N, C-alpha and C. Protein backbone atom coordinates (compact mmCIF):
# COMPACT_ATOMS: atom_id res chain seq x y z
N MET A 1 7.91 -64.26 -91.71
CA MET A 1 8.05 -62.28 -91.44
C MET A 1 6.60 -62.35 -90.62
N LYS A 2 6.88 -61.38 -89.85
CA LYS A 2 6.03 -61.23 -87.96
C LYS A 2 5.09 -59.67 -88.25
N ALA A 3 3.95 -59.64 -88.08
CA ALA A 3 3.54 -58.44 -88.31
C ALA A 3 3.81 -57.96 -86.22
N VAL A 4 4.55 -56.76 -85.98
CA VAL A 4 4.08 -56.44 -84.20
C VAL A 4 3.58 -55.77 -84.24
N LYS A 5 3.55 -54.80 -85.26
CA LYS A 5 2.87 -53.31 -84.86
C LYS A 5 1.80 -52.91 -86.29
N LEU A 6 0.61 -52.69 -86.13
CA LEU A 6 -0.12 -52.22 -87.47
C LEU A 6 -1.60 -51.00 -87.13
N ARG A 7 -1.13 -50.19 -87.34
CA ARG A 7 -1.99 -49.36 -87.20
C ARG A 7 -3.25 -49.53 -88.19
N PRO A 8 -4.63 -49.77 -87.48
CA PRO A 8 -5.79 -48.96 -88.66
C PRO A 8 -5.58 -48.09 -90.09
N PHE A 9 -6.40 -48.34 -91.05
CA PHE A 9 -6.49 -47.73 -92.11
C PHE A 9 -7.82 -47.86 -92.88
N ILE A 10 -8.48 -46.91 -93.32
CA ILE A 10 -9.80 -46.97 -94.32
C ILE A 10 -9.21 -46.11 -96.13
N PRO A 11 -8.59 -47.23 -96.57
CA PRO A 11 -8.61 -46.84 -97.90
C PRO A 11 -9.18 -46.43 -98.84
N SER A 12 -8.40 -45.32 -99.68
CA SER A 12 -9.78 -44.67 -100.89
C SER A 12 -9.36 -45.72 -102.07
N GLY A 13 -9.22 -47.02 -101.91
CA GLY A 13 -9.17 -48.28 -103.25
C GLY A 13 -9.46 -47.78 -104.74
N GLN A 14 -8.47 -47.51 -105.56
CA GLN A 14 -9.57 -47.57 -106.93
C GLN A 14 -9.52 -48.77 -107.35
N ASP A 15 -9.21 -49.93 -106.79
CA ASP A 15 -9.97 -51.19 -106.96
C ASP A 15 -9.85 -51.98 -105.89
N TYR A 16 -11.19 -52.14 -105.07
CA TYR A 16 -11.34 -52.92 -104.08
C TYR A 16 -10.68 -54.36 -103.83
N THR A 17 -11.19 -54.87 -105.16
CA THR A 17 -11.09 -56.38 -105.17
C THR A 17 -9.39 -56.37 -105.57
N LEU A 18 -8.88 -55.74 -106.18
CA LEU A 18 -7.20 -55.69 -106.69
C LEU A 18 -6.46 -55.45 -105.30
N ALA A 19 -6.91 -54.69 -104.61
CA ALA A 19 -6.31 -54.26 -102.86
C ALA A 19 -6.73 -55.03 -101.72
N GLN A 20 -7.57 -55.55 -102.06
CA GLN A 20 -7.67 -56.85 -101.16
C GLN A 20 -6.80 -58.21 -101.18
N ARG A 21 -6.30 -58.54 -102.70
CA ARG A 21 -5.40 -59.77 -103.05
C ARG A 21 -4.26 -59.12 -102.86
N PHE A 22 -4.07 -57.89 -103.10
CA PHE A 22 -2.51 -57.50 -103.04
C PHE A 22 -1.98 -57.82 -101.67
N PHE A 23 -3.13 -57.34 -100.36
CA PHE A 23 -2.76 -57.71 -98.95
C PHE A 23 -2.35 -59.36 -98.52
N GLU A 24 -3.67 -60.05 -99.67
CA GLU A 24 -3.53 -61.35 -99.28
C GLU A 24 -2.18 -61.79 -99.65
N ASP A 25 -1.82 -61.46 -101.14
CA ASP A 25 -0.10 -61.48 -101.26
C ASP A 25 0.80 -61.20 -100.80
N LEU A 26 0.80 -60.14 -99.91
CA LEU A 26 1.91 -60.57 -98.86
C LEU A 26 2.25 -61.02 -97.69
N GLY A 27 0.36 -61.62 -97.44
CA GLY A 27 0.66 -62.40 -96.32
C GLY A 27 -0.28 -62.63 -95.63
N PHE A 28 -1.37 -61.52 -95.79
CA PHE A 28 -2.04 -61.02 -94.58
C PHE A 28 -3.59 -61.92 -94.71
N GLU A 29 -3.88 -62.64 -93.79
CA GLU A 29 -5.41 -63.25 -94.32
C GLU A 29 -6.47 -62.37 -93.95
N LYS A 30 -7.42 -62.79 -94.86
CA LYS A 30 -8.48 -62.02 -94.76
C LYS A 30 -9.55 -62.70 -94.24
N VAL A 31 -9.62 -62.15 -92.93
CA VAL A 31 -10.99 -62.74 -91.43
C VAL A 31 -12.24 -62.36 -91.37
N TYR A 32 -12.59 -61.52 -92.31
CA TYR A 32 -13.47 -60.64 -92.27
C TYR A 32 -13.93 -60.01 -94.05
N SER A 33 -15.20 -60.30 -94.64
CA SER A 33 -15.35 -59.49 -95.59
C SER A 33 -16.92 -59.12 -96.32
N ASN A 34 -17.24 -58.28 -96.16
CA ASN A 34 -19.03 -57.99 -96.15
C ASN A 34 -19.11 -56.51 -96.40
N ASP A 35 -19.89 -56.71 -97.80
CA ASP A 35 -20.27 -54.86 -98.26
C ASP A 35 -19.42 -53.62 -98.11
N GLY A 36 -18.27 -54.23 -98.94
CA GLY A 36 -17.12 -52.41 -98.95
C GLY A 36 -16.14 -52.82 -97.53
N LEU A 37 -16.55 -53.74 -96.61
CA LEU A 37 -15.51 -53.96 -95.64
C LEU A 37 -14.75 -55.36 -95.22
N SER A 38 -13.23 -55.50 -95.41
CA SER A 38 -12.45 -56.27 -95.42
C SER A 38 -11.57 -56.10 -93.86
N ILE A 39 -10.97 -57.28 -93.05
CA ILE A 39 -10.43 -56.88 -92.01
C ILE A 39 -9.35 -58.18 -92.30
N PHE A 40 -8.02 -57.48 -92.54
CA PHE A 40 -7.06 -58.72 -92.55
C PHE A 40 -6.19 -58.75 -91.29
N ARG A 41 -5.75 -60.07 -91.00
CA ARG A 41 -5.06 -60.11 -90.06
C ARG A 41 -3.13 -60.59 -90.65
N MET A 42 -2.55 -60.61 -89.47
CA MET A 42 -1.19 -61.32 -89.53
C MET A 42 -0.62 -61.08 -88.14
N GLY A 43 -0.94 -62.36 -87.60
CA GLY A 43 -0.35 -62.54 -86.37
C GLY A 43 -1.61 -62.34 -85.49
N GLU A 44 -1.65 -61.33 -84.67
CA GLU A 44 -2.23 -60.98 -83.64
C GLU A 44 -2.32 -59.50 -83.81
N GLN A 45 -2.08 -59.07 -84.74
CA GLN A 45 -2.69 -57.39 -85.60
C GLN A 45 -3.32 -57.75 -86.63
N GLU A 46 -4.13 -56.68 -86.91
CA GLU A 46 -5.18 -56.51 -88.01
C GLU A 46 -5.35 -54.96 -88.00
N PHE A 47 -6.10 -54.85 -89.42
CA PHE A 47 -6.40 -53.48 -90.16
C PHE A 47 -7.77 -53.53 -90.91
N PHE A 48 -8.05 -52.76 -91.25
CA PHE A 48 -9.02 -52.71 -92.55
C PHE A 48 -9.33 -52.19 -93.54
N LEU A 49 -9.94 -52.06 -94.04
CA LEU A 49 -9.57 -52.18 -95.80
C LEU A 49 -11.38 -51.92 -96.02
N GLN A 50 -11.62 -50.57 -96.20
CA GLN A 50 -12.80 -50.27 -96.71
C GLN A 50 -13.01 -49.80 -98.08
N ASN A 51 -13.93 -50.05 -98.44
CA ASN A 51 -13.87 -49.47 -99.79
C ASN A 51 -14.85 -47.99 -99.80
N PHE A 52 -14.13 -47.21 -99.90
CA PHE A 52 -14.27 -45.49 -98.95
C PHE A 52 -13.56 -44.66 -100.49
N HIS A 53 -14.11 -43.81 -101.05
CA HIS A 53 -13.49 -42.93 -101.80
C HIS A 53 -13.66 -41.52 -101.37
N ASN A 54 -12.84 -41.07 -100.84
CA ASN A 54 -12.47 -39.88 -99.97
C ASN A 54 -11.19 -39.50 -100.09
N GLN A 55 -10.30 -39.17 -101.12
CA GLN A 55 -8.90 -38.85 -101.19
C GLN A 55 -8.59 -38.02 -100.22
N GLU A 56 -9.39 -37.27 -99.92
CA GLU A 56 -8.43 -35.94 -98.84
C GLU A 56 -8.52 -36.76 -97.48
N PHE A 57 -9.57 -36.94 -97.37
CA PHE A 57 -9.52 -38.09 -95.92
C PHE A 57 -8.46 -39.21 -95.94
N GLN A 58 -8.44 -40.07 -96.95
CA GLN A 58 -7.17 -40.68 -97.16
C GLN A 58 -5.97 -40.19 -96.72
N GLU A 59 -5.40 -39.26 -97.20
CA GLU A 59 -4.08 -38.69 -97.41
C GLU A 59 -3.58 -39.02 -95.53
N ASN A 60 -4.74 -39.01 -95.05
CA ASN A 60 -4.78 -38.50 -93.36
C ASN A 60 -3.60 -40.08 -92.98
N PHE A 61 -4.09 -41.42 -93.60
CA PHE A 61 -3.76 -42.62 -93.27
C PHE A 61 -2.42 -42.96 -93.52
N MET A 62 -1.56 -44.11 -92.61
CA MET A 62 -0.85 -44.52 -93.03
C MET A 62 -0.84 -45.67 -92.01
N VAL A 63 0.55 -46.84 -92.70
CA VAL A 63 0.39 -48.15 -91.76
C VAL A 63 1.77 -47.94 -91.19
N GLU A 64 2.00 -47.90 -89.81
CA GLU A 64 3.19 -48.53 -89.43
C GLU A 64 3.85 -50.01 -89.43
N LEU A 65 3.88 -50.97 -89.99
CA LEU A 65 4.44 -52.22 -89.72
C LEU A 65 5.93 -52.40 -89.68
N ILE A 66 6.20 -53.25 -88.19
CA ILE A 66 7.50 -53.86 -87.55
C ILE A 66 7.71 -55.22 -87.66
N VAL A 67 8.96 -55.29 -88.59
CA VAL A 67 8.81 -56.96 -88.72
C VAL A 67 10.01 -57.52 -88.12
N GLU A 68 9.96 -58.74 -88.21
CA GLU A 68 11.45 -58.73 -87.21
C GLU A 68 12.85 -59.33 -88.20
N ASP A 69 12.49 -59.52 -89.81
CA ASP A 69 13.28 -59.09 -90.81
C ASP A 69 12.97 -58.50 -91.82
N LEU A 70 13.56 -57.06 -92.06
CA LEU A 70 13.48 -56.11 -92.91
C LEU A 70 14.03 -56.50 -94.29
N ASP A 71 15.25 -57.15 -94.23
CA ASP A 71 15.40 -57.88 -95.44
C ASP A 71 14.73 -58.51 -96.29
N GLY A 72 13.86 -59.75 -95.09
CA GLY A 72 13.10 -60.70 -96.01
C GLY A 72 11.91 -59.89 -96.38
N TRP A 73 11.19 -59.45 -96.01
CA TRP A 73 9.92 -58.31 -96.22
C TRP A 73 10.53 -57.71 -98.02
N TRP A 74 11.81 -57.00 -97.29
CA TRP A 74 11.87 -56.41 -98.86
C TRP A 74 11.85 -57.32 -99.71
N THR A 75 12.47 -58.55 -99.79
CA THR A 75 12.92 -59.17 -100.95
C THR A 75 11.10 -59.91 -101.23
N HIS A 76 10.62 -60.08 -100.28
CA HIS A 76 9.27 -60.41 -100.02
C HIS A 76 8.33 -59.72 -101.24
N ILE A 77 8.41 -57.58 -100.45
CA ILE A 77 7.06 -57.00 -101.30
C ILE A 77 7.97 -56.86 -103.35
N GLN A 78 9.08 -57.00 -103.32
CA GLN A 78 9.68 -56.79 -104.81
C GLN A 78 9.47 -57.96 -105.61
N ALA A 79 9.28 -59.67 -105.01
CA ALA A 79 8.23 -60.75 -105.81
C ALA A 79 6.98 -60.30 -105.77
N VAL A 80 6.20 -59.97 -104.81
CA VAL A 80 4.96 -59.88 -105.15
C VAL A 80 4.09 -58.64 -105.98
N VAL A 81 5.25 -57.59 -106.25
CA VAL A 81 4.85 -56.68 -106.75
C VAL A 81 5.28 -57.24 -108.19
N ARG A 82 5.92 -57.15 -108.46
CA ARG A 82 7.26 -57.96 -109.96
C ARG A 82 5.82 -59.24 -110.56
N GLU A 83 5.76 -60.13 -109.41
CA GLU A 83 4.89 -61.03 -109.97
C GLU A 83 3.67 -60.97 -110.51
N ASN A 84 2.87 -59.97 -110.00
CA ASN A 84 1.38 -59.85 -109.82
C ASN A 84 1.60 -58.55 -110.60
N ASN A 85 2.48 -57.66 -111.26
CA ASN A 85 2.52 -56.48 -111.36
C ASN A 85 1.42 -55.24 -110.98
N TYR A 86 1.80 -55.50 -109.42
CA TYR A 86 1.13 -54.69 -109.12
C TYR A 86 1.45 -52.79 -109.28
N PRO A 87 0.81 -52.38 -109.44
CA PRO A 87 0.73 -50.72 -109.41
C PRO A 87 0.99 -50.09 -108.28
N VAL A 88 2.32 -50.20 -107.56
CA VAL A 88 2.61 -49.89 -106.21
C VAL A 88 4.08 -49.02 -106.19
N LYS A 89 4.35 -47.87 -105.35
CA LYS A 89 5.73 -47.56 -105.29
C LYS A 89 6.28 -48.28 -103.93
N ILE A 90 7.58 -48.71 -103.87
CA ILE A 90 8.09 -49.23 -103.16
C ILE A 90 9.96 -48.11 -103.37
N LYS A 91 10.31 -48.13 -102.34
CA LYS A 91 11.47 -47.54 -101.98
C LYS A 91 12.31 -48.29 -100.66
N GLU A 92 13.17 -48.68 -101.57
CA GLU A 92 14.14 -49.96 -100.89
C GLU A 92 15.12 -49.29 -99.55
N PRO A 93 14.68 -50.51 -98.52
CA PRO A 93 15.53 -49.80 -97.19
C PRO A 93 16.73 -48.36 -97.32
N THR A 94 16.09 -47.74 -96.06
CA THR A 94 17.15 -46.64 -95.94
C THR A 94 16.88 -46.30 -94.48
N ILE A 95 18.25 -45.86 -94.12
CA ILE A 95 19.05 -45.74 -93.41
C ILE A 95 18.96 -44.68 -92.75
N TYR A 96 18.49 -44.20 -91.80
CA TYR A 96 17.51 -42.75 -91.46
C TYR A 96 18.89 -42.35 -90.38
N PRO A 97 19.06 -40.55 -90.30
CA PRO A 97 20.29 -40.24 -89.44
C PRO A 97 20.17 -40.95 -88.37
N TRP A 98 18.71 -40.86 -87.77
CA TRP A 98 18.82 -41.45 -85.95
C TRP A 98 18.76 -42.86 -85.76
N GLY A 99 19.29 -43.25 -87.00
CA GLY A 99 19.29 -45.14 -86.84
C GLY A 99 18.32 -45.83 -87.69
N LYS A 100 16.88 -45.17 -87.80
CA LYS A 100 15.94 -46.50 -88.09
C LYS A 100 16.56 -46.72 -89.17
N ARG A 101 16.03 -48.27 -89.90
CA ARG A 101 16.15 -48.38 -91.10
C ARG A 101 14.39 -49.28 -91.68
N GLU A 102 14.51 -48.36 -92.61
CA GLU A 102 12.81 -48.52 -92.92
C GLU A 102 12.52 -49.03 -94.71
N ILE A 103 11.24 -49.57 -94.60
CA ILE A 103 10.74 -49.38 -96.53
C ILE A 103 9.55 -48.42 -96.26
N ASN A 104 9.51 -48.10 -97.30
CA ASN A 104 8.32 -46.92 -97.83
C ASN A 104 7.92 -47.48 -98.77
N LEU A 105 6.33 -47.24 -99.10
CA LEU A 105 5.23 -48.26 -99.96
C LEU A 105 4.44 -47.28 -99.99
N ILE A 106 3.90 -47.01 -100.81
CA ILE A 106 2.50 -46.74 -101.28
C ILE A 106 1.96 -47.50 -102.03
N ASP A 107 0.91 -47.82 -100.96
CA ASP A 107 -0.08 -49.19 -101.84
C ASP A 107 -1.09 -48.99 -102.95
N LEU A 108 -1.70 -49.95 -103.27
CA LEU A 108 -2.88 -49.45 -104.61
C LEU A 108 -3.81 -48.59 -104.28
N SER A 109 -4.15 -48.05 -102.55
CA SER A 109 -5.21 -47.56 -102.25
C SER A 109 -4.35 -45.94 -102.02
N GLY A 110 -3.45 -45.90 -101.97
CA GLY A 110 -2.74 -44.68 -101.95
C GLY A 110 -2.13 -44.68 -100.20
N VAL A 111 -2.13 -45.55 -99.71
CA VAL A 111 -1.76 -45.67 -98.06
C VAL A 111 -0.63 -45.75 -98.30
N CYS A 112 0.40 -44.50 -97.68
CA CYS A 112 1.93 -44.79 -96.86
C CYS A 112 2.19 -45.82 -95.76
N TRP A 113 3.05 -46.80 -96.51
CA TRP A 113 3.14 -47.72 -95.29
C TRP A 113 4.94 -47.31 -94.79
N HIS A 114 5.07 -47.24 -93.62
CA HIS A 114 6.35 -47.49 -92.74
C HIS A 114 6.68 -48.72 -92.42
N ILE A 115 7.72 -49.76 -93.18
CA ILE A 115 7.90 -50.92 -92.45
C ILE A 115 9.28 -50.80 -92.05
N SER A 116 9.60 -50.63 -90.85
CA SER A 116 10.64 -51.65 -89.80
C SER A 116 10.81 -52.30 -89.39
N GLU A 117 12.60 -52.23 -89.01
CA GLU A 117 12.79 -53.88 -88.22
C GLU A 117 12.49 -53.09 -86.28
N ALA A 118 11.99 -54.51 -86.17
CA ALA A 118 12.43 -54.44 -84.52
C ALA A 118 13.54 -54.64 -84.33
N THR A 119 13.38 -53.69 -82.52
CA THR A 119 14.83 -53.89 -82.50
C THR A 119 15.10 -55.16 -81.88
N LYS A 120 16.15 -54.91 -81.19
CA LYS A 120 16.73 -56.04 -80.68
C LYS A 120 17.44 -55.44 -79.44
């Protein structure tokens, strides 16, 4: 699993500690954490997790993750959610009319993830 592109975001997580654990369980490395701000990295891509509560502000954020193996990520996400009983919403891989194949996920903080397969 390799992250190719990731947009930074600031979640309004209801449980900051649980959100951190979710990202680590997905395979992101926590490279910094101090006073309600954590930075996670996968490969050369990174994003910020901030303990910030403002739902109106939060709804404008999303993560776009492009991976090498979408089916592998789908299996991995399902296993992580099932094994840890994470309250996330995931939608199985969808092929859109314009040809893009994508998994959609709403994470613990309410951020929408669009996980798609790298073009070959």
